[in-house]
Protein backbone atom coordinates (compact mmCIF):
# COMPACT_ATOMS: atom_id res chain seq x y z
CA MET A 1 -1.15 77.36 -5.26
CA GLY A 2 1.79 79.47 -6.43
CA VAL A 3 3.00 82.22 -4.14
CA GLY A 4 1.02 85.38 -4.79
CA ALA A 5 -1.58 83.62 -6.94
CA PRO A 6 -5.29 84.24 -6.33
CA HIS A 7 -6.83 81.82 -3.90
CA THR A 8 -10.32 81.28 -2.55
CA VAL A 9 -10.84 79.01 0.43
CA PRO A 10 -13.57 76.53 -0.62
CA ALA A 11 -16.90 77.15 1.04
CA ALA A 12 -17.36 73.46 1.72
CA GLY A 13 -14.85 72.19 4.24
CA PRO A 14 -12.88 75.36 5.14
CA ALA A 15 -9.30 74.91 6.22
CA ARG A 16 -9.07 75.19 9.99
CA GLY A 17 -5.86 76.65 11.33
CA PRO A 18 -4.47 76.02 14.79
CA ARG A 19 -6.69 78.41 16.71
CA GLY A 20 -4.54 78.26 19.81
CA ALA A 21 -1.38 79.16 17.88
CA ALA A 22 -2.43 82.72 17.03
CA PRO A 23 -3.72 85.07 19.72
CA ALA A 24 -6.93 86.93 19.00
CA PRO A 25 -6.46 89.81 16.56
CA GLU A 26 -6.86 93.44 17.51
CA VAL A 27 -9.79 95.11 15.77
CA LEU A 28 -8.97 98.53 14.32
CA VAL A 29 -11.77 100.87 13.27
CA VAL A 30 -11.10 104.25 11.65
CA ALA A 31 -14.17 106.40 12.23
CA TYR A 32 -15.33 109.76 10.98
CA GLY A 33 -18.58 110.69 12.68
CA THR A 34 -21.51 108.25 12.27
CA PRO A 35 -21.56 107.11 15.93
CA ASP A 36 -24.70 105.00 15.40
CA LEU A 37 -23.02 102.96 12.68
CA LEU A 38 -19.90 102.63 14.82
CA ARG A 39 -21.97 101.32 17.72
CA ARG A 40 -23.48 98.65 15.47
CA ALA A 41 -20.03 97.64 14.22
CA LEU A 42 -18.55 97.30 17.70
CA GLU A 43 -21.45 95.56 19.47
CA PRO A 44 -20.79 91.97 18.24
CA LEU A 45 -17.11 92.22 19.18
CA ALA A 46 -17.23 94.15 22.44
CA GLY A 47 -15.85 92.18 25.37
CA VAL A 48 -14.66 89.40 23.06
CA LEU A 49 -11.84 90.94 21.01
CA PRO A 50 -9.51 93.87 21.74
CA LEU A 51 -10.93 96.98 20.04
CA THR A 52 -9.24 100.20 18.99
CA VAL A 53 -11.07 103.18 17.46
CA VAL A 54 -9.16 105.92 15.66
CA ASP A 55 -11.41 108.97 15.47
CA ASN A 56 -10.50 111.18 12.52
CA SER A 57 -13.40 113.47 13.41
CA SER A 58 -12.38 114.16 17.05
CA SER A 59 -16.04 113.66 17.93
CA PRO A 60 -17.25 113.39 21.56
CA ALA A 61 -20.08 111.13 20.34
CA VAL A 62 -17.62 108.75 18.68
CA ARG A 63 -15.50 108.72 21.82
CA ALA A 64 -18.53 107.89 23.97
CA VAL A 65 -19.50 104.96 21.71
CA ALA A 66 -15.92 103.63 21.66
CA GLU A 67 -15.51 103.81 25.42
CA ALA A 68 -18.93 102.24 26.03
CA ALA A 69 -17.79 99.26 23.97
CA GLY A 70 -14.56 98.99 25.95
CA ALA A 71 -12.44 100.11 23.00
CA ALA A 72 -9.22 102.05 23.22
CA TYR A 73 -9.94 105.51 21.81
CA LEU A 74 -7.33 107.34 19.75
CA ASP A 75 -7.69 110.89 18.46
CA PRO A 76 -4.91 111.77 16.00
CA GLY A 77 -5.98 115.41 16.13
CA ARG A 78 -6.42 115.66 12.38
CA ASN A 79 -8.22 113.98 9.52
CA GLY A 80 -5.39 112.63 7.40
CA GLY A 81 -7.64 110.11 5.67
CA PHE A 82 -8.23 106.41 6.11
CA ALA A 83 -4.64 105.30 5.50
CA ALA A 84 -3.28 107.82 8.00
CA GLY A 85 -5.89 106.71 10.53
CA VAL A 86 -4.92 103.06 10.11
CA ASN A 87 -1.24 103.90 10.47
CA HIS A 88 -1.96 105.87 13.64
CA GLY A 89 -3.79 102.87 15.04
CA LEU A 90 -0.97 100.52 14.06
CA ALA A 91 1.56 102.79 15.75
CA HIS A 92 -0.48 102.78 18.97
CA ARG A 93 -1.62 99.17 19.09
CA GLN A 94 -2.72 97.77 22.41
CA LEU A 95 -1.12 94.46 21.51
CA PRO A 96 1.79 94.85 19.08
CA GLY A 97 2.67 91.74 17.15
CA ARG A 98 -0.90 90.49 16.76
CA ASP A 99 -2.93 90.17 13.59
CA VAL A 100 -5.09 93.23 12.91
CA LEU A 101 -8.65 93.28 11.64
CA LEU A 102 -9.48 96.42 9.68
CA LEU A 103 -13.20 97.08 10.14
CA ASN A 104 -15.20 99.88 8.59
CA PRO A 105 -17.63 101.59 10.96
CA ASP A 106 -20.41 100.79 8.49
CA ALA A 107 -19.63 97.06 8.47
CA VAL A 108 -20.60 94.26 10.86
CA VAL A 109 -18.91 90.90 11.40
CA THR A 110 -19.30 88.46 14.28
CA ALA A 111 -16.51 87.37 16.61
CA ASP A 112 -16.90 83.80 15.31
CA GLY A 113 -16.50 85.17 11.80
CA VAL A 114 -13.27 86.89 12.79
CA ARG A 115 -11.96 83.66 14.31
CA ALA A 116 -12.81 81.78 11.10
CA LEU A 117 -10.92 84.39 9.08
CA GLN A 118 -7.92 83.93 11.35
CA ASP A 119 -8.09 80.15 11.05
CA ALA A 120 -8.07 80.44 7.26
CA LEU A 121 -5.29 83.02 7.29
CA HIS A 122 -2.97 80.88 9.40
CA ALA A 123 -3.76 77.71 7.46
CA HIS A 124 -1.77 79.27 4.59
CA PRO A 125 1.76 80.30 5.58
CA ARG A 126 2.08 83.00 2.88
CA ALA A 127 -1.37 84.55 3.27
CA ALA A 128 -1.07 88.25 4.08
CA SER A 129 -4.79 88.97 4.40
CA ALA A 130 -8.17 87.28 4.59
CA GLY A 131 -11.55 88.85 3.97
CA PRO A 132 -15.16 87.60 4.13
CA ALA A 133 -17.97 87.65 1.62
CA GLN A 134 -20.20 90.68 2.07
CA VAL A 135 -23.87 91.55 1.76
CA ASP A 136 -25.69 94.85 2.16
CA ASP A 137 -28.45 95.48 4.69
CA ALA A 138 -30.97 93.93 2.30
CA GLY A 139 -28.88 90.77 1.95
CA HIS A 140 -27.69 91.46 -1.59
CA PRO A 141 -24.17 90.14 -2.17
CA ALA A 142 -21.35 92.49 -3.12
CA ARG A 143 -18.21 91.69 -5.03
CA VAL A 144 -15.22 91.86 -2.69
CA GLU A 145 -12.44 90.07 -4.60
CA TRP A 146 -10.78 91.85 -7.52
CA PRO A 147 -7.75 91.46 -9.77
CA PHE A 148 -5.09 94.10 -9.31
CA PRO A 149 -5.57 97.14 -11.55
CA SER A 150 -3.18 97.57 -14.46
CA PRO A 151 -3.09 99.35 -17.83
CA LEU A 152 -3.93 96.05 -19.55
CA ALA A 153 -6.89 95.50 -17.25
CA ALA A 154 -8.08 99.03 -17.98
CA TRP A 155 -8.15 98.24 -21.70
CA THR A 156 -9.92 94.89 -21.35
CA GLU A 157 -12.54 96.59 -19.18
CA ALA A 158 -12.92 99.51 -21.59
CA LEU A 159 -13.44 97.17 -24.53
CA GLY A 160 -15.83 94.97 -22.57
CA ILE A 161 -13.80 91.82 -23.19
CA ASP A 162 -12.49 91.10 -19.71
CA ALA A 163 -15.00 88.32 -18.97
CA VAL A 164 -14.42 86.72 -22.38
CA LEU A 165 -10.66 86.75 -21.97
CA ARG A 166 -10.92 85.20 -18.51
CA ARG A 167 -12.85 82.31 -20.03
CA VAL A 168 -10.42 81.66 -22.87
CA ALA A 169 -7.05 82.75 -21.44
CA PRO A 170 -5.74 80.68 -18.50
CA ALA A 171 -3.19 83.38 -17.62
CA LEU A 172 -5.97 85.91 -17.05
CA ARG A 173 -8.03 83.44 -15.04
CA ALA A 174 -5.01 82.98 -12.78
CA ARG A 175 -4.40 86.68 -12.19
CA ALA A 176 -3.56 87.58 -8.61
CA THR A 177 -6.39 89.14 -6.64
CA TYR A 178 -6.98 91.11 -3.46
CA VAL A 179 -9.95 91.51 -1.12
CA ILE A 180 -11.37 94.96 -0.34
CA GLY A 181 -10.50 96.52 2.99
CA SER A 182 -13.89 97.19 4.60
CA VAL A 183 -13.51 93.96 6.62
CA LEU A 184 -10.00 92.60 6.25
CA LEU A 185 -7.75 90.61 8.56
CA LEU A 186 -4.05 91.42 8.15
CA ARG A 187 -1.38 88.98 9.24
CA ALA A 188 1.08 90.41 11.75
CA ASP A 189 4.10 89.00 9.90
CA ALA A 190 2.92 90.55 6.64
CA LEU A 191 2.43 93.93 8.31
CA ALA A 192 5.96 93.74 9.65
CA ASP A 193 7.27 92.81 6.20
CA VAL A 194 5.25 95.18 4.00
CA GLY A 195 4.77 98.11 6.37
CA GLY A 196 1.74 100.31 6.84
CA LEU A 197 -0.60 101.96 4.35
CA ASP A 198 0.53 104.66 1.94
CA GLU A 199 -0.92 107.92 3.25
CA ARG A 200 -0.89 109.50 -0.20
CA PHE A 201 -4.16 107.60 -0.67
CA PHE A 202 -6.58 109.70 1.37
CA LEU A 203 -9.54 107.44 0.66
CA TYR A 204 -9.94 104.39 -1.60
CA ALA A 205 -7.24 102.16 -3.16
CA GLU A 206 -5.06 102.23 -0.05
CA GLU A 207 -5.77 98.56 0.61
CA THR A 208 -5.23 97.78 -3.08
CA ASP A 209 -1.81 99.40 -2.91
CA TRP A 210 -0.91 97.55 0.31
CA ALA A 211 -2.11 94.23 -1.12
CA TYR A 212 -0.13 94.76 -4.32
CA ARG A 213 3.02 95.58 -2.38
CA ALA A 214 2.48 92.40 -0.37
CA HIS A 215 1.87 90.40 -3.56
CA ARG A 216 5.17 91.64 -5.01
CA ARG A 217 6.90 90.39 -1.87
CA GLY A 218 5.44 86.90 -2.30
CA TRP A 219 2.31 87.14 -0.16
CA ALA A 220 -1.18 85.98 -1.17
CA HIS A 221 -4.66 87.22 -0.28
CA LEU A 222 -7.62 85.05 0.65
CA LEU A 223 -11.36 85.29 0.22
CA VAL A 224 -13.14 83.20 2.88
CA PRO A 225 -16.69 82.93 1.49
CA GLU A 226 -18.17 80.94 4.36
CA VAL A 227 -17.73 84.05 6.54
CA VAL A 228 -20.27 86.73 5.64
CA ALA A 229 -20.13 90.34 6.83
CA THR A 230 -22.73 93.06 6.40
CA HIS A 231 -21.54 96.29 4.81
CA VAL A 232 -23.80 99.30 4.30
CA GLY A 233 -21.40 100.72 1.71
CA ALA A 234 -20.91 104.37 0.74
CA ALA A 235 -22.23 105.35 4.17
CA THR A 236 -19.59 108.05 4.45
CA SER A 237 -19.97 109.27 0.84
CA SER A 238 -23.38 110.80 0.16
CA ASP A 239 -22.27 112.78 -2.93
CA PRO A 240 -21.88 110.39 -5.90
CA VAL A 241 -19.91 112.87 -8.04
CA ARG A 242 -17.46 113.51 -5.21
CA ARG A 243 -17.16 109.80 -4.56
CA GLU A 244 -16.48 109.05 -8.24
CA THR A 245 -13.85 111.79 -8.33
CA VAL A 246 -12.05 110.54 -5.24
CA VAL A 247 -12.21 106.91 -6.40
CA ARG A 248 -10.75 107.78 -9.80
CA ALA A 249 -8.09 110.02 -8.26
CA SER A 250 -6.95 107.17 -6.05
CA GLN A 251 -6.83 104.88 -9.08
CA GLU A 252 -4.66 107.43 -10.89
CA ARG A 253 -2.26 107.58 -7.93
CA TYR A 254 -2.08 103.78 -7.82
CA LEU A 255 -1.36 103.43 -11.55
CA ARG A 256 1.22 106.21 -11.54
CA LYS A 257 2.93 104.67 -8.52
CA HIS A 258 3.16 101.12 -9.84
CA PHE A 259 3.21 101.58 -13.64
CA GLY A 260 4.70 105.04 -14.09
CA VAL A 261 3.62 107.93 -16.29
CA ALA A 262 3.36 105.72 -19.38
CA GLY A 263 1.21 103.19 -17.54
CA TRP A 264 -1.15 105.91 -16.35
CA ALA A 265 -1.33 107.38 -19.88
CA ALA A 266 -2.29 103.97 -21.29
CA ALA A 267 -4.92 103.41 -18.60
CA ARG A 268 -6.24 106.95 -19.06
CA ALA A 269 -6.62 106.41 -22.80
CA ALA A 270 -8.57 103.24 -22.05
CA GLY A 271 -10.78 105.17 -19.66
CA VAL A 272 -11.53 107.78 -22.32
CA VAL A 273 -12.41 105.12 -24.90
CA GLY A 274 -14.56 103.13 -22.49
CA ALA A 275 -16.45 106.18 -21.22
CA ALA A 276 -16.96 107.53 -24.75
CA VAL A 277 -18.44 104.23 -25.92
CA ARG A 278 -20.75 104.10 -22.92
CA CYS A 279 -21.87 107.68 -23.57
CA VAL A 280 -23.39 106.36 -26.81
CA LEU A 281 -24.26 102.75 -26.04
CA GLY A 282 -24.30 102.36 -22.27
CA PRO A 283 -27.39 102.02 -20.06
CA ASP A 284 -26.33 104.97 -17.85
CA ARG A 285 -25.14 107.58 -20.31
CA ALA A 286 -25.27 110.46 -17.82
CA ALA A 287 -22.81 108.69 -15.52
CA ALA A 288 -20.61 107.85 -18.50
CA ARG A 289 -20.49 111.52 -19.48
CA VAL A 290 -19.45 112.49 -15.96
CA ARG A 291 -16.71 109.84 -16.07
CA LEU A 292 -15.52 110.96 -19.52
CA VAL A 293 -15.16 114.58 -18.40
CA LEU A 294 -13.40 113.45 -15.25
CA VAL A 295 -10.86 111.26 -17.07
CA LEU A 296 -10.18 113.92 -19.70
CA ARG A 297 -9.59 116.54 -17.02
CA GLY A 298 -7.50 114.21 -14.89
CA PRO A 299 -8.98 112.73 -11.68
CA VAL A 300 -6.24 114.01 -9.35
CA ALA A 301 -6.59 117.52 -10.77
CA ALA A 302 -10.37 117.31 -10.37
CA GLU A 303 -10.01 116.08 -6.79
CA ARG A 304 -7.81 119.05 -5.90
CA ALA A 305 -10.58 121.38 -7.05
CA LEU A 306 -13.15 119.83 -4.74
CA ALA A 307 -14.22 121.79 -1.69
CA PRO A 308 -12.78 120.18 1.46
CA GLN A 309 -15.01 117.53 2.99
CA GLY A 310 -13.60 115.27 5.64
CA SER A 311 -14.05 111.55 5.62
CA GLY A 312 -11.78 109.17 7.44
CA ALA A 313 -13.29 105.77 6.72
CA ALA A 314 -13.54 103.88 3.49
CA ALA A 315 -16.99 103.64 1.99
């Protein structure tokens, strides 16, 4: 495997790293309300792994759940978003120098699953992160591994030819990928090399940005499909229009950051074309119309017009 290339650990016969060589990771949860979900996330890990909860909501109920699970409780005193919450937790780690598991409060993974992620991570010397497969509460699988966004990818998606190109073009099949951050183990050495999350991403795409920065520094990202986590998904985002706006705004920030104004303009044009086509031919034309208006207006501009609504954990 080339450095930075996509890699999936085979489900049959997973690589087993030297478990004794890496101390247990610290689990970092950024919470915003939802104490019942947080309790469910912490229960399988309590008393087994070191736990830290960053409470962006400054909620007494969240604090009570964290302390009942034996977790260190951190209140940053503000809701700066998920990236800011993660960075606050990283700056106040109980055990600096250890790997860190990012865990959404609406996700559940077992301690054995975390150990298997760490084994896989340390079996590959240039792996920056490792994430599990995921299912929802009903057991339906969710896609967790994605190629990095780019203007070219925006056009292949808009034209509906991405899957075809992956079949016929080896270079596209070999595109580097990342794993979403709802349950994601980060290697301590990679954190030290790449740094923390970019706090300009309030919610969504912050792990994509971190993974891409790591990729550009020669790190890879692993999907470990024999480990399965449960993720409710969108538990902190009950308004679909708001969620779509924030997601697209984060994508705009990512594309502007890594591909410049011209790259964002190209991706935006692709978004307009794709949404316009789906307004006529797509199965969900109402959603396509919402997306078309959003892209034409500009997602970041639309996000700024939203009424404030706090949320500190990724959905």
